[in-house]
Amino acid sequence: KELPYLGYIEATIQAEFLFDKEISVPVLV
């Protein structure tokens, strides 16, 4: 089945165990 979404955002994600290694990635809304 088709996955509904409204668009995407440019987000920053950081896993706590990676400390200051922030990731910039497109994320579906």
PDB file of all heavy atoms in Angstrom:
ATOM      1  N   LYS A   1       0.828  -1.192   0.000  1.00  0.00           N
ATOM      2  CA  LYS A   1       0.000   0.000   0.000  1.00  0.00           C
ATOM      3  C   LYS A   1       0.870   1.251   0.000  1.00  0.00           C
ATOM      4  O   LYS A   1       1.949   1.279   0.584  1.00  0.00           O
ATOM      5  CB  LYS A   1      -0.924   0.008   1.216  1.00  0.00           C
ATOM      6  CG  LYS A   1      -1.968  -1.099   1.193  1.00  0.00           C
ATOM      7  CD  LYS A   1      -2.883  -1.002   2.404  1.00  0.00           C
ATOM      8  CE  LYS A   1      -3.946  -2.098   2.370  1.00  0.00           C
ATOM      9  NZ  LYS A   1      -4.834  -2.042   3.566  1.00  0.00           N
ATOM     10  N   GLU A   2       0.371   2.286  -0.668  1.00  0.00           N
ATOM     11  CA  GLU A   2       1.130   3.529  -0.762  1.00  0.00           C
ATOM     12  C   GLU A   2       1.263   4.195   0.603  1.00  0.00           C
ATOM     13  O   GLU A   2       0.314   4.232   1.392  1.00  0.00           O
ATOM     14  CB  GLU A   2       0.431   4.482  -1.742  1.00  0.00           C
ATOM     15  CG  GLU A   2       1.246   5.727  -2.056  1.00  0.00           C
ATOM     16  CD  GLU A   2       0.610   6.566  -3.154  1.00  0.00           C
ATOM     17  OE1 GLU A   2      -0.067   5.980  -4.027  1.00  0.00           O
ATOM     18  OE2 GLU A   2       0.770   7.807  -3.129  1.00  0.00           O
ATOM     19  N   LEU A   3       2.453   4.686   0.907  1.00  0.00           N
ATOM     20  CA  LEU A   3       2.716   5.356   2.174  1.00  0.00           C
ATOM     21  C   LEU A   3       2.380   6.839   2.029  1.00  0.00           C
ATOM     22  O   LEU A   3       3.006   7.544   1.236  1.00  0.00           O
ATOM     23  CB  LEU A   3       4.195   5.204   2.552  1.00  0.00           C
ATOM     24  CG  LEU A   3       4.666   5.946   3.811  1.00  0.00           C
ATOM     25  CD1 LEU A   3       4.025   5.333   5.047  1.00  0.00           C
ATOM     26  CD2 LEU A   3       6.188   5.907   3.929  1.00  0.00           C
ATOM     27  N   PRO A   4       1.382   7.322   2.788  1.00  0.00           N
ATOM     28  CA  PRO A   4       1.013   8.734   2.665  1.00  0.00           C
ATOM     29  C   PRO A   4       2.020   9.632   3.366  1.00  0.00           C
ATOM     30  O   PRO A   4       2.559   9.282   4.413  1.00  0.00           O
ATOM     31  CB  PRO A   4      -0.352   8.794   3.360  1.00  0.00           C
ATOM     32  CG  PRO A   4      -0.303   7.691   4.368  1.00  0.00           C
ATOM     33  CD  PRO A   4       0.538   6.604   3.759  1.00  0.00           C
ATOM     34  N   TYR A   5       2.291  10.791   2.777  1.00  0.00           N
ATOM     35  CA  TYR A   5       3.177  11.757   3.412  1.00  0.00           C
ATOM     36  C   TYR A   5       2.832  13.151   2.913  1.00  0.00           C
ATOM     37  O   TYR A   5       2.210  13.330   1.860  1.00  0.00           O
ATOM     38  CB  TYR A   5       4.647  11.420   3.141  1.00  0.00           C
ATOM     39  CG  TYR A   5       5.056  11.499   1.686  1.00  0.00           C
ATOM     40  CD1 TYR A   5       5.564  12.680   1.151  1.00  0.00           C
ATOM     41  CD2 TYR A   5       4.946  10.399   0.850  1.00  0.00           C
ATOM     42  CE1 TYR A   5       5.934  12.760  -0.181  1.00  0.00           C
ATOM     43  CE2 TYR A   5       5.313  10.462  -0.474  1.00  0.00           C
ATOM     44  CZ  TYR A   5       5.814  11.641  -0.991  1.00  0.00           C
ATOM     45  OH  TYR A   5       6.170  11.715  -2.313  1.00  0.00           O
ATOM     46  N   LEU A   6       3.233  14.151   3.694  1.00  0.00           N
ATOM     47  CA  LEU A   6       2.889  15.529   3.382  1.00  0.00           C
ATOM     48  C   LEU A   6       4.028  16.266   2.681  1.00  0.00           C
ATOM     49  O   LEU A   6       3.838  17.385   2.201  1.00  0.00           O
ATOM     50  CB  LEU A   6       2.525  16.290   4.668  1.00  0.00           C
ATOM     51  CG  LEU A   6       1.217  15.913   5.372  1.00  0.00           C
ATOM     52  CD1 LEU A   6       1.345  14.593   6.109  1.00  0.00           C
ATOM     53  CD2 LEU A   6       0.798  16.985   6.335  1.00  0.00           C
ATOM     54  N   GLY A   7       5.191  15.695   2.656  1.00  0.00           N
ATOM     55  CA  GLY A   7       6.376  16.323   2.097  1.00  0.00           C
ATOM     56  C   GLY A   7       7.570  15.899   2.931  1.00  0.00           C
ATOM     57  O   GLY A   7       7.528  14.880   3.621  1.00  0.00           O
ATOM     58  N   TYR A   8       8.629  16.689   2.878  1.00  0.00           N
ATOM     59  CA  TYR A   8       9.795  16.359   3.697  1.00  0.00           C
ATOM     60  C   TYR A   8      10.383  17.629   4.286  1.00  0.00           C
ATOM     61  O   TYR A   8      10.073  18.757   3.855  1.00  0.00           O
ATOM     62  CB  TYR A   8      10.855  15.614   2.874  1.00  0.00           C
ATOM     63  CG  TYR A   8      11.658  16.483   1.932  1.00  0.00           C
ATOM     64  CD1 TYR A   8      12.908  16.983   2.294  1.00  0.00           C
ATOM     65  CD2 TYR A   8      11.173  16.803   0.664  1.00  0.00           C
ATOM     66  CE1 TYR A   8      13.652  17.772   1.438  1.00  0.00           C
ATOM     67  CE2 TYR A   8      11.909  17.598  -0.203  1.00  0.00           C
ATOM     68  CZ  TYR A   8      13.150  18.079   0.182  1.00  0.00           C
ATOM     69  OH  TYR A   8      13.874  18.876  -0.673  1.00  0.00           O
ATOM     70  N   ILE A   9      11.224  17.442   5.299  1.00  0.00           N
ATOM     71  CA  ILE A   9      11.940  18.553   5.913  1.00  0.00           C
ATOM     72  C   ILE A   9      13.428  18.229   5.921  1.00  0.00           C
ATOM     73  O   ILE A   9      13.823  17.063   5.820  1.00  0.00           O
ATOM     74  CB  ILE A   9      11.475  18.814   7.368  1.00  0.00           C
ATOM     75  CG1 ILE A   9      11.759  17.584   8.251  1.00  0.00           C
ATOM     76  CG2 ILE A   9      10.010  19.208   7.412  1.00  0.00           C
ATOM     77  CD1 ILE A   9      11.571  17.826   9.733  1.00  0.00           C
ATOM     78  N   GLU A  10      14.244  19.257   5.999  1.00  0.00           N
ATOM     79  CA  GLU A  10      15.677  19.072   6.213  1.00  0.00           C
ATOM     80  C   GLU A  10      15.897  19.076   7.717  1.00  0.00           C
ATOM     81  O   GLU A  10      15.764  20.108   8.373  1.00  0.00           O
ATOM     82  CB  GLU A  10      16.477  20.189   5.537  1.00  0.00           C
ATOM     83  CG  GLU A  10      16.446  20.140   4.019  1.00  0.00           C
ATOM     84  CD  GLU A  10      17.223  18.952   3.448  1.00  0.00           C
ATOM     85  OE1 GLU A  10      18.037  18.366   4.192  1.00  0.00           O
ATOM     86  OE2 GLU A  10      17.008  18.603   2.281  1.00  0.00           O
ATOM     87  N   ALA A  11      16.202  17.923   8.279  1.00  0.00           N
ATOM     88  CA  ALA A  11      16.290  17.775   9.737  1.00  0.00           C
ATOM     89  C   ALA A  11      17.709  17.430  10.172  1.00  0.00           C
ATOM     90  O   ALA A  11      18.513  16.935   9.385  1.00  0.00           O
ATOM     91  CB  ALA A  11      15.330  16.691  10.209  1.00  0.00           C
ATOM     92  N   THR A  12      17.976  17.693  11.443  1.00  0.00           N
ATOM     93  CA  THR A  12      19.227  17.248  12.060  1.00  0.00           C
ATOM     94  C   THR A  12      18.892  16.159  13.076  1.00  0.00           C
ATOM     95  O   THR A  12      17.933  16.278  13.834  1.00  0.00           O
ATOM     96  CB  THR A  12      19.962  18.399  12.773  1.00  0.00           C
ATOM     97  OG1 THR A  12      19.099  18.988  13.759  1.00  0.00           O
ATOM     98  CG2 THR A  12      20.397  19.451  11.776  1.00  0.00           C
ATOM     99  N   ILE A  13      19.653  15.086  13.032  1.00  0.00           N
ATOM    100  CA  ILE A  13      19.450  13.951  13.930  1.00  0.00           C
ATOM    101  C   ILE A  13      20.774  13.615  14.599  1.00  0.00           C
ATOM    102  O   ILE A  13      21.825  13.609  13.942  1.00  0.00           O
ATOM    103  CB  ILE A  13      18.904  12.728  13.177  1.00  0.00           C
ATOM    104  CG1 ILE A  13      17.496  13.012  12.635  1.00  0.00           C
ATOM    105  CG2 ILE A  13      18.892  11.486  14.065  1.00  0.00           C
ATOM    106  CD1 ILE A  13      16.917  11.886  11.816  1.00  0.00           C
ATOM    107  N   GLN A  14      20.702  13.343  15.885  1.00  0.00           N
ATOM    108  CA  GLN A  14      21.908  12.973  16.625  1.00  0.00           C
ATOM    109  C   GLN A  14      21.590  11.819  17.568  1.00  0.00           C
ATOM    110  O   GLN A  14      20.669  11.902  18.370  1.00  0.00           O
ATOM    111  CB  GLN A  14      22.433  14.170  17.420  1.00  0.00           C
ATOM    112  CG  GLN A  14      23.720  13.897  18.172  1.00  0.00           C
ATOM    113  CD  GLN A  14      24.181  15.116  18.952  1.00  0.00           C
ATOM    114  OE1 GLN A  14      23.799  16.238  18.637  1.00  0.00           O
ATOM    115  NE2 GLN A  14      24.983  14.894  19.972  1.00  0.00           N
ATOM    116  N   ALA A  15      22.337  10.734  17.420  1.00  0.00           N
ATOM    117  CA  ALA A  15      22.243   9.635  18.376  1.00  0.00           C
ATOM    118  C   ALA A  15      23.091  10.013  19.583  1.00  0.00           C
ATOM    119  O   ALA A  15      24.210  10.507  19.433  1.00  0.00           O
ATOM    120  CB  ALA A  15      22.747   8.336  17.756  1.00  0.00           C
ATOM    121  N   GLU A  16      22.570   9.793  20.778  1.00  0.00           N
ATOM    122  CA  GLU A  16      23.247  10.273  21.984  1.00  0.00           C
ATOM    123  C   GLU A  16      24.644   9.680  22.156  1.00  0.00           C
ATOM    124  O   GLU A  16      25.536  10.345  22.682  1.00  0.00           O
ATOM    125  CB  GLU A  16      22.381   9.983  23.213  1.00  0.00           C
ATOM    126  CG  GLU A  16      21.112  10.807  23.259  1.00  0.00           C
ATOM    127  CD  GLU A  16      20.344  10.616  24.553  1.00  0.00           C
ATOM    128  OE1 GLU A  16      19.894   9.479  24.794  1.00  0.00           O
ATOM    129  OE2 GLU A  16      20.213  11.599  25.293  1.00  0.00           O
ATOM    130  N   PHE A  17      24.864   8.449  21.699  1.00  0.00           N
ATOM    131  CA  PHE A  17      26.170   7.829  21.876  1.00  0.00           C
ATOM    132  C   PHE A  17      27.209   8.367  20.891  1.00  0.00           C
ATOM    133  O   PHE A  17      28.394   8.067  20.991  1.00  0.00           O
ATOM    134  CB  PHE A  17      26.071   6.305  21.731  1.00  0.00           C
ATOM    135  CG  PHE A  17      25.548   5.840  20.386  1.00  0.00           C
ATOM    136  CD1 PHE A  17      26.400   5.575  19.340  1.00  0.00           C
ATOM    137  CD2 PHE A  17      24.185   5.675  20.187  1.00  0.00           C
ATOM    138  CE1 PHE A  17      25.929   5.146  18.115  1.00  0.00           C
ATOM    139  CE2 PHE A  17      23.693   5.245  18.972  1.00  0.00           C
ATOM    140  CZ  PHE A  17      24.564   4.985  17.931  1.00  0.00           C
ATOM    141  N   LEU A  18      26.767   9.186  19.919  1.00  0.00           N
ATOM    142  CA  LEU A  18      27.699   9.774  18.954  1.00  0.00           C
ATOM    143  C   LEU A  18      28.122  11.185  19.351  1.00  0.00           C
ATOM    144  O   LEU A  18      28.805  11.869  18.592  1.00  0.00           O
ATOM    145  CB  LEU A  18      27.071   9.796  17.555  1.00  0.00           C
ATOM    146  CG  LEU A  18      26.912   8.426  16.893  1.00  0.00           C
ATOM    147  CD1 LEU A  18      26.224   8.554  15.546  1.00  0.00           C
ATOM    148  CD2 LEU A  18      28.271   7.757  16.721  1.00  0.00           C
ATOM    149  N   PHE A  19      27.677  11.653  20.505  1.00  0.00           N
ATOM    150  CA  PHE A  19      28.079  12.940  21.059  1.00  0.00           C
ATOM    151  C   PHE A  19      27.783  14.078  20.078  1.00  0.00           C
ATOM    152  O   PHE A  19      26.635  14.361  19.797  1.00  0.00           O
ATOM    153  CB  PHE A  19      29.560  12.899  21.482  1.00  0.00           C
ATOM    154  CG  PHE A  19      29.869  11.778  22.422  1.00  0.00           C
ATOM    155  CD1 PHE A  19      30.563  10.669  21.990  1.00  0.00           C
ATOM    156  CD2 PHE A  19      29.411  11.809  23.733  1.00  0.00           C
ATOM    157  CE1 PHE A  19      30.819   9.609  22.855  1.00  0.00           C
ATOM    158  CE2 PHE A  19      29.663  10.762  24.605  1.00  0.00           C
ATOM    159  CZ  PHE A  19      30.372   9.665  24.160  1.00  0.00           C
ATOM    160  N   ASP A  20      28.821  14.723  19.520  1.00  0.00           N
ATOM    161  CA  ASP A  20      28.610  15.918  18.707  1.00  0.00           C
ATOM    162  C   ASP A  20      28.494  15.622  17.210  1.00  0.00           C
ATOM    163  O   ASP A  20      28.526  16.540  16.392  1.00  0.00           O
ATOM    164  CB  ASP A  20      29.750  16.920  18.931  1.00  0.00           C
ATOM    165  CG  ASP A  20      31.114  16.336  18.574  1.00  0.00           C
ATOM    166  OD1 ASP A  20      31.214  15.103  18.446  1.00  0.00           O
ATOM    167  OD2 ASP A  20      32.070  17.118  18.423  1.00  0.00           O
ATOM    168  N   LYS A  21      28.356  14.355  16.840  1.00  0.00           N
ATOM    169  CA  LYS A  21      28.283  14.000  15.412  1.00  0.00           C
ATOM    170  C   LYS A  21      26.840  14.108  14.924  1.00  0.00           C
ATOM    171  O   LYS A  21      26.090  13.139  14.894  1.00  0.00           O
ATOM    172  CB  LYS A  21      28.840  12.599  15.184  1.00  0.00           C
ATOM    173  CG  LYS A  21      30.331  12.493  15.513  1.00  0.00           C
ATOM    174  CD  LYS A  21      30.860  11.089  15.305  1.00  0.00           C
ATOM    175  CE  LYS A  21      32.336  11.007  15.651  1.00  0.00           C
ATOM    176  NZ  LYS A  21      32.870   9.638  15.504  1.00  0.00           N
ATOM    177  N   GLU A  22      26.462  15.311  14.539  1.00  0.00           N
ATOM    178  CA  GLU A  22      25.099  15.581  14.083  1.00  0.00           C
ATOM    179  C   GLU A  22      24.966  15.218  12.607  1.00  0.00           C
ATOM    180  O   GLU A  22      25.885  15.427  11.818  1.00  0.00           O
ATOM    181  CB  GLU A  22      24.791  17.066  14.291  1.00  0.00           C
ATOM    182  CG  GLU A  22      23.332  17.422  14.230  1.00  0.00           C
ATOM    183  CD  GLU A  22      23.099  18.876  14.604  1.00  0.00           C
ATOM    184  OE1 GLU A  22      23.512  19.755  13.823  1.00  0.00           O
ATOM    185  OE2 GLU A  22      22.533  19.138  15.682  1.00  0.00           O
ATOM    186  N   ILE A  23      23.808  14.671  12.234  1.00  0.00           N
ATOM    187  CA  ILE A  23      23.553  14.249  10.857  1.00  0.00           C
ATOM    188  C   ILE A  23      22.455  15.127  10.269  1.00  0.00           C
ATOM    189  O   ILE A  23      21.407  15.307  10.886  1.00  0.00           O
ATOM    190  CB  ILE A  23      23.119  12.769  10.814  1.00  0.00           C
ATOM    191  CG1 ILE A  23      24.206  11.868  11.403  1.00  0.00           C
ATOM    192  CG2 ILE A  23      22.777  12.351   9.392  1.00  0.00           C
ATOM    193  CD1 ILE A  23      23.729  10.458  11.670  1.00  0.00           C
ATOM    194  N   SER A  24      22.691  15.670   9.095  1.00  0.00           N
ATOM    195  CA  SER A  24      21.660  16.419   8.375  1.00  0.00           C
ATOM    196  C   SER A  24      21.089  15.503   7.301  1.00  0.00           C
ATOM    197  O   SER A  24      21.837  14.966   6.468  1.00  0.00           O
ATOM    198  CB  SER A  24      22.237  17.685   7.740  1.00  0.00           C
ATOM    199  OG  SER A  24      22.694  18.572   8.733  1.00  0.00           O
ATOM    200  N   VAL A  25      19.771  15.327   7.308  1.00  0.00           N
ATOM    201  CA  VAL A  25      19.163  14.343   6.415  1.00  0.00           C
ATOM    202  C   VAL A  25      17.729  14.750   6.091  1.00  0.00           C
ATOM    203  O   VAL A  25      17.042  15.348   6.932  1.00  0.00           O
ATOM    204  CB  VAL A  25      19.194  12.940   7.088  1.00  0.00           C
ATOM    205  CG1 VAL A  25      18.335  12.917   8.330  1.00  0.00           C
ATOM    206  CG2 VAL A  25      18.779  11.848   6.132  1.00  0.00           C
ATOM    207  N   PRO A  26      17.232  14.474   4.870  1.00  0.00           N
ATOM    208  CA  PRO A  26      15.813  14.709   4.574  1.00  0.00           C
ATOM    209  C   PRO A  26      14.947  13.688   5.293  1.00  0.00           C
ATOM    210  O   PRO A  26      15.255  12.494   5.315  1.00  0.00           O
ATOM    211  CB  PRO A  26      15.736  14.550   3.050  1.00  0.00           C
ATOM    212  CG  PRO A  26      16.920  13.728   2.687  1.00  0.00           C
ATOM    213  CD  PRO A  26      17.987  14.020   3.690  1.00  0.00           C
ATOM    214  N   VAL A  27      13.854  14.163   5.893  1.00  0.00           N
ATOM    215  CA  VAL A  27      12.949  13.306   6.672  1.00  0.00           C
ATOM    216  C   VAL A  27      11.525  13.518   6.170  1.00  0.00           C
ATOM    217  O   VAL A  27      11.071  14.658   6.042  1.00  0.00           O
ATOM    218  CB  VAL A  27      13.032  13.646   8.178  1.00  0.00           C
ATOM    219  CG1 VAL A  27      11.985  12.877   8.966  1.00  0.00           C
ATOM    220  CG2 VAL A  27      14.426  13.351   8.721  1.00  0.00           C
ATOM    221  N   LEU A  28      10.831  12.423   5.888  1.00  0.00           N
ATOM    222  CA  LEU A  28       9.447  12.519   5.429  1.00  0.00           C
ATOM    223  C   LEU A  28       8.517  12.896   6.579  1.00  0.00           C
ATOM    224  O   LEU A  28       8.671  12.400   7.694  1.00  0.00           O
ATOM    225  CB  LEU A  28       8.982  11.188   4.841  1.00  0.00           C
ATOM    226  CG  LEU A  28       9.482  10.790   3.445  1.00  0.00           C
ATOM    227  CD1 LEU A  28       8.871   9.461   3.042  1.00  0.00           C
ATOM    228  CD2 LEU A  28       9.140  11.859   2.414  1.00  0.00           C
ATOM    229  N   VAL A  29       7.557  13.762   6.282  1.00  0.00           N
ATOM    230  CA  VAL A  29       6.528  14.128   7.255  1.00  0.00           C
ATOM    231  C   VAL A  29       5.288  13.289   6.949  1.00  0.00           C
ATOM    232  O   VAL A  29       4.778  13.318   5.823  1.00  0.00           O
ATOM    233  CB  VAL A  29       6.184  15.627   7.176  1.00  0.00           C
ATOM    234  CG1 VAL A  29       5.140  15.985   8.223  1.00  0.00           C
ATOM    235  CG2 VAL A  29       7.447  16.467   7.354  1.00  0.00           C
TER     236      VAL A  29
END
